[in-house]
Amino acid sequence: MQNVLEKIVQGSQNLMGIGSGTDVVSSGEQVVFRVLKQRLNPPYCIFDVGSNKGQFLKLILDHIAGDDFSVHCFEPGRETFKILESSFKTDKRIQLNNIAIGKEISEAKLYSNSAGSELASLTRRRLDHFGIDFNESEVIKINTIDHYCADKAIHHVHLLKLDIEGHEMDALTGAKGMFDAKSIDVVAFEFGGCDIDTRTFFQDFWYFFREINFNIFRITPSGYLHPVESYKEIHEQFRPTNFIAISNNQREQATANSSVG
């Protein structure tokens, strides 16, 4: 009976988006582009942090190809970056960066179980229970969103997508200047098993976004956005789950502009 109940719970959670965030197509992630178009006007500036082989980048090209936009991609793994570059280097709308994004400018080791692995992380994850050994590493460079934007004269980011294996909070911390300037509108991020290894909790995201006047929604496979209106311990579900955080500052500015008009 316990096994049956566990399957029922997991099935229900998948419909809620909890544990269904691994695949960019079936997870419902494409809803972020609906939000983008409903709230903001092109040209769009998008940051794809943790590009891997271009899975999310393909979604971008599928959903806003007809709009004016630019994408800044960040992928630190050398072999993975080669794959990314071979597929997208000719598109002038895309800026490819073979670096990681974090909370400070530095160098660090990127650990993985194999070259080009989708599991690569700045933390040497303990995955023996899955038969996975993070026995490979390479030294990579880390930049911050604030420094990168200052260096590239980027004054506004419409969509910031984060999928960096448990280090999403580091990237958010390194974007404090942009958030303080109300220069980031929408953040899409993943929360899951990687956060066990980095000792990151959903509570960390909840308070971070609440303090900068963002609302958090859980993305479901159907594309429905479920509002996370208050923090509860049950939100600490360490299975791949996608969330979107939307700035109330942008909504307030749009309302003010509308009133003036």
Protein backbone atom coordinates (compact mmCIF):
# COMPACT_ATOMS: atom_id res chain seq x y z
CA MET A 1 0.00 0.00 0.00
CA GLN A 2 2.86 2.39 0.77
CA ASN A 3 4.30 1.79 -2.72
CA VAL A 4 0.89 2.51 -4.29
CA LEU A 5 0.51 5.70 -2.28
CA GLU A 6 4.02 6.82 -3.27
CA LYS A 7 3.19 6.35 -6.97
CA ILE A 8 -0.04 8.31 -6.55
CA VAL A 9 1.84 11.13 -4.82
CA GLN A 10 4.57 11.24 -7.47
CA GLY A 11 2.01 11.20 -10.28
CA SER A 12 0.07 14.05 -8.67
CA GLN A 13 3.24 16.04 -8.09
CA ASN A 14 4.33 15.63 -11.71
CA LEU A 15 1.04 17.20 -12.81
CA MET A 16 1.81 20.04 -10.39
CA GLY A 17 5.23 20.50 -12.00
CA ILE A 18 7.14 18.97 -9.09
CA GLY A 19 9.70 16.59 -10.58
CA SER A 20 8.72 17.28 -14.18
CA GLY A 21 11.32 19.95 -14.87
CA THR A 22 14.03 17.89 -16.56
CA ASP A 23 12.91 18.20 -20.19
CA VAL A 24 12.49 21.74 -21.57
CA VAL A 25 9.71 20.65 -23.94
CA SER A 26 7.48 18.57 -21.66
CA SER A 27 8.06 20.69 -18.53
CA GLY A 28 5.95 23.61 -19.74
CA GLU A 29 8.93 25.99 -19.75
CA GLN A 30 7.79 27.58 -23.00
CA VAL A 31 5.24 29.52 -20.96
CA VAL A 32 8.01 31.99 -20.09
CA PHE A 33 7.80 33.34 -23.63
CA ARG A 34 4.07 33.93 -23.27
CA VAL A 35 4.82 35.92 -20.12
CA LEU A 36 7.57 37.80 -21.91
CA LYS A 37 5.32 38.82 -24.80
CA GLN A 38 2.36 39.70 -22.60
CA ARG A 39 4.33 41.99 -20.29
CA LEU A 40 7.17 43.41 -22.36
CA ASN A 41 7.88 44.71 -25.83
CA PRO A 42 10.83 43.81 -28.05
CA PRO A 43 13.71 44.12 -28.58
CA TYR A 44 14.30 41.51 -25.89
CA CYS A 45 17.60 40.89 -24.10
CA ILE A 46 17.76 37.33 -22.79
CA PHE A 47 20.42 35.67 -20.62
CA ASP A 48 20.62 31.88 -20.94
CA VAL A 49 22.78 30.93 -17.97
CA GLY A 50 23.65 27.24 -18.11
CA SER A 51 23.09 26.81 -21.84
CA ASN A 52 24.46 23.26 -21.97
CA LYS A 53 23.98 22.11 -25.58
CA GLY A 54 21.34 24.71 -26.41
CA GLN A 55 18.12 23.06 -25.24
CA PHE A 56 16.57 26.27 -23.91
CA LEU A 57 18.13 28.28 -26.72
CA LYS A 58 16.16 26.17 -29.21
CA LEU A 59 12.97 27.08 -27.33
CA ILE A 60 13.89 30.75 -27.67
CA LEU A 61 14.35 30.41 -31.41
CA ASP A 62 11.09 28.46 -31.74
CA HIS A 63 8.93 30.93 -29.81
CA ILE A 64 10.25 34.42 -30.51
CA ALA A 65 12.10 33.98 -33.79
CA GLY A 66 9.92 36.67 -35.37
CA ASP A 67 10.78 39.25 -32.72
CA ASP A 68 13.82 41.45 -32.34
CA PHE A 69 16.01 39.92 -29.63
CA SER A 70 19.53 39.11 -28.48
CA VAL A 71 20.63 36.15 -26.36
CA HIS A 72 23.72 35.93 -24.18
CA CYS A 73 24.59 32.28 -23.50
CA PHE A 74 26.87 31.05 -20.73
CA GLU A 75 28.30 27.52 -20.73
CA PRO A 76 31.58 26.84 -18.87
CA GLY A 77 32.30 23.23 -19.89
CA ARG A 78 34.82 23.08 -22.73
CA GLU A 79 33.40 20.04 -24.53
CA THR A 80 29.81 21.12 -24.00
CA PHE A 81 30.63 24.61 -25.27
CA LYS A 82 32.10 23.13 -28.47
CA ILE A 83 28.76 21.41 -29.14
CA LEU A 84 26.87 24.63 -28.40
CA GLU A 85 29.19 26.65 -30.62
CA SER A 86 28.96 24.23 -33.53
CA SER A 87 25.17 24.64 -33.58
CA PHE A 88 24.73 28.38 -33.02
CA LYS A 89 27.92 30.31 -33.76
CA THR A 90 26.64 31.69 -37.08
CA ASP A 91 23.56 33.37 -35.59
CA LYS A 92 24.53 36.99 -34.97
CA ARG A 93 21.70 37.42 -32.45
CA ILE A 94 23.46 34.98 -30.11
CA GLN A 95 26.53 35.80 -28.00
CA LEU A 96 28.24 32.62 -26.80
CA ASN A 97 30.38 32.76 -23.65
CA ASN A 98 32.55 29.87 -22.44
CA ILE A 99 32.31 30.96 -18.79
CA ALA A 100 30.20 30.34 -15.71
CA ILE A 101 28.08 32.92 -13.89
CA GLY A 102 28.37 33.23 -10.12
CA LYS A 103 28.51 35.58 -7.15
CA GLU A 104 32.03 36.88 -7.78
CA ILE A 105 34.72 36.95 -10.46
CA SER A 106 36.99 33.97 -9.90
CA GLU A 107 38.14 30.58 -11.13
CA ALA A 108 36.83 27.23 -9.91
CA LYS A 109 36.63 23.55 -10.74
CA LEU A 110 33.73 22.27 -12.77
CA TYR A 111 32.99 18.65 -11.80
CA SER A 112 31.27 16.05 -13.93
CA ASN A 113 30.88 12.35 -14.51
CA SER A 114 32.01 12.67 -18.15
CA ALA A 115 33.02 15.30 -20.69
CA GLY A 116 29.98 17.18 -21.99
CA SER A 117 27.75 15.87 -19.19
CA GLU A 118 24.47 17.68 -18.51
CA LEU A 119 25.12 17.09 -14.79
CA ALA A 120 28.30 19.21 -14.62
CA SER A 121 28.37 21.38 -11.50
CA LEU A 122 30.67 23.64 -9.52
CA THR A 123 29.96 21.28 -6.64
CA ARG A 124 31.29 17.75 -6.65
CA ARG A 125 27.93 16.07 -6.20
CA ARG A 126 27.55 12.81 -4.30
CA LEU A 127 25.53 10.57 -6.60
CA ASP A 128 26.83 7.14 -5.64
CA HIS A 129 23.21 6.06 -5.04
CA PHE A 130 22.65 6.48 -8.79
CA GLY A 131 25.92 4.81 -9.72
CA ILE A 132 27.33 8.15 -10.91
CA ASP A 133 30.85 9.23 -10.04
CA PHE A 134 31.91 12.86 -10.43
CA ASN A 135 35.51 11.84 -11.14
CA GLU A 136 36.30 14.43 -13.82
CA SER A 137 37.01 18.13 -13.42
CA GLU A 138 38.29 21.16 -15.29
CA VAL A 139 39.20 24.69 -14.22
CA ILE A 140 36.76 27.30 -15.52
CA LYS A 141 36.33 31.06 -15.26
CA ILE A 142 33.43 32.67 -13.40
CA ASN A 143 31.97 36.10 -14.06
CA THR A 144 29.02 37.92 -12.48
CA ILE A 145 25.94 39.26 -14.21
CA ASP A 146 26.64 42.74 -12.85
CA HIS A 147 30.21 42.80 -14.20
CA TYR A 148 29.24 41.24 -17.54
CA CYS A 149 26.45 43.79 -18.04
CA ALA A 150 28.75 46.68 -17.16
CA ASP A 151 31.44 45.38 -19.53
CA LYS A 152 29.00 44.88 -22.41
CA ALA A 153 27.00 48.07 -21.72
CA ILE A 154 23.83 46.04 -21.15
CA HIS A 155 21.34 48.15 -19.22
CA HIS A 156 18.34 45.83 -19.13
CA VAL A 157 17.70 42.09 -19.11
CA HIS A 158 14.12 41.10 -19.93
CA LEU A 159 14.50 37.38 -19.21
CA LEU A 160 17.14 35.73 -17.05
CA LYS A 161 17.08 31.93 -17.28
CA LEU A 162 19.12 29.99 -14.70
CA ASP A 163 19.86 26.28 -14.81
CA ILE A 164 23.30 25.85 -13.23
CA GLU A 165 23.05 22.73 -11.13
CA GLY A 166 22.45 24.12 -7.66
CA HIS A 167 24.30 27.43 -8.01
CA GLU A 168 21.37 29.59 -9.09
CA MET A 169 21.47 31.60 -5.87
CA ASP A 170 25.11 32.49 -6.55
CA ALA A 171 24.13 33.91 -9.94
CA LEU A 172 21.30 35.92 -8.36
CA THR A 173 23.67 37.28 -5.72
CA GLY A 174 26.07 38.39 -8.48
CA ALA A 175 23.23 40.32 -10.14
CA LYS A 176 22.42 42.48 -7.10
CA GLY A 177 23.26 45.70 -8.90
CA MET A 178 20.95 44.91 -11.80
CA PHE A 179 18.14 43.92 -9.44
CA ASP A 180 18.63 47.05 -7.34
CA ALA A 181 18.36 49.12 -10.51
CA LYS A 182 15.15 47.24 -11.42
CA SER A 183 16.86 46.18 -14.64
CA ILE A 184 15.75 42.53 -14.68
CA ASP A 185 12.09 41.73 -15.35
CA VAL A 186 11.63 37.95 -15.39
CA VAL A 187 13.70 35.10 -13.93
CA ALA A 188 13.19 31.43 -14.85
CA PHE A 189 15.02 29.00 -12.57
CA GLU A 190 15.16 25.32 -11.62
CA PHE A 191 15.10 23.88 -8.10
CA GLY A 192 15.87 20.23 -7.48
CA GLY A 193 18.32 17.54 -6.44
CA CYS A 194 21.39 19.66 -7.11
CA ASP A 195 20.32 21.92 -4.27
CA ILE A 196 20.80 19.05 -1.83
CA ASP A 197 24.52 19.05 -2.68
CA THR A 198 24.85 22.84 -2.47
CA ARG A 199 22.67 23.01 0.67
CA THR A 200 20.33 25.50 -0.98
CA PHE A 201 16.67 25.64 0.02
CA PHE A 202 13.57 26.95 -1.69
CA GLN A 203 13.29 29.26 1.29
CA ASP A 204 16.43 31.03 0.02
CA PHE A 205 14.72 31.79 -3.29
CA TRP A 206 11.48 32.78 -1.60
CA TYR A 207 13.07 35.43 0.61
CA PHE A 208 15.40 36.67 -2.12
CA PHE A 209 12.56 37.39 -4.53
CA ARG A 210 10.19 38.68 -1.89
CA GLU A 211 12.76 41.28 -0.81
CA ILE A 212 13.14 42.61 -4.36
CA ASN A 213 9.37 42.68 -5.04
CA PHE A 214 9.09 39.67 -7.35
CA ASN A 215 6.26 37.11 -7.37
CA ILE A 216 7.13 33.41 -7.75
CA PHE A 217 5.09 30.91 -9.76
CA ARG A 218 5.62 27.17 -10.20
CA ILE A 219 5.57 26.10 -13.85
CA THR A 220 3.38 23.08 -14.59
CA PRO A 221 3.62 20.80 -17.67
CA SER A 222 0.35 22.26 -18.99
CA GLY A 223 1.82 25.76 -18.89
CA TYR A 224 -0.31 26.85 -15.95
CA LEU A 225 1.56 29.12 -13.54
CA HIS A 226 0.73 28.30 -9.94
CA PRO A 227 1.38 31.25 -7.61
CA VAL A 228 3.58 30.55 -4.59
CA GLU A 229 1.94 33.10 -2.33
CA SER A 230 3.63 32.14 0.92
CA TYR A 231 6.55 29.98 2.01
CA LYS A 232 5.79 26.52 3.40
CA GLU A 233 8.13 23.68 4.34
CA ILE A 234 6.38 21.42 1.83
CA HIS A 235 7.95 23.54 -0.92
CA GLU A 236 11.29 21.87 -0.15
CA GLN A 237 10.82 19.23 -2.86
CA PHE A 238 14.21 18.22 -4.22
CA ARG A 239 12.99 16.96 -7.57
CA PRO A 240 13.57 18.99 -10.77
CA THR A 241 10.95 21.75 -10.69
CA ASN A 242 10.80 24.92 -12.76
CA PHE A 243 9.76 28.30 -11.42
CA ILE A 244 9.32 31.76 -12.84
CA ALA A 245 9.75 34.95 -10.82
CA ILE A 246 8.11 38.08 -12.22
CA SER A 247 8.95 41.61 -11.18
CA ASN A 248 6.16 43.66 -9.66
CA ASN A 249 8.33 46.69 -10.36
CA GLN A 250 7.80 46.20 -14.08
CA ARG A 251 4.04 45.95 -13.57
CA GLU A 252 4.00 49.11 -11.47
CA GLN A 253 6.05 50.98 -14.08
CA ALA A 254 3.72 49.87 -16.84
CA THR A 255 0.71 51.04 -14.81
CA ALA A 256 2.36 54.40 -14.17
CA ASN A 257 3.15 54.84 -17.83
CA SER A 258 -0.42 53.94 -18.74
CA SER A 259 -1.80 56.48 -16.26
CA VAL A 260 0.42 59.21 -17.65
CA GLY A 261 -0.74 58.43 -21.17
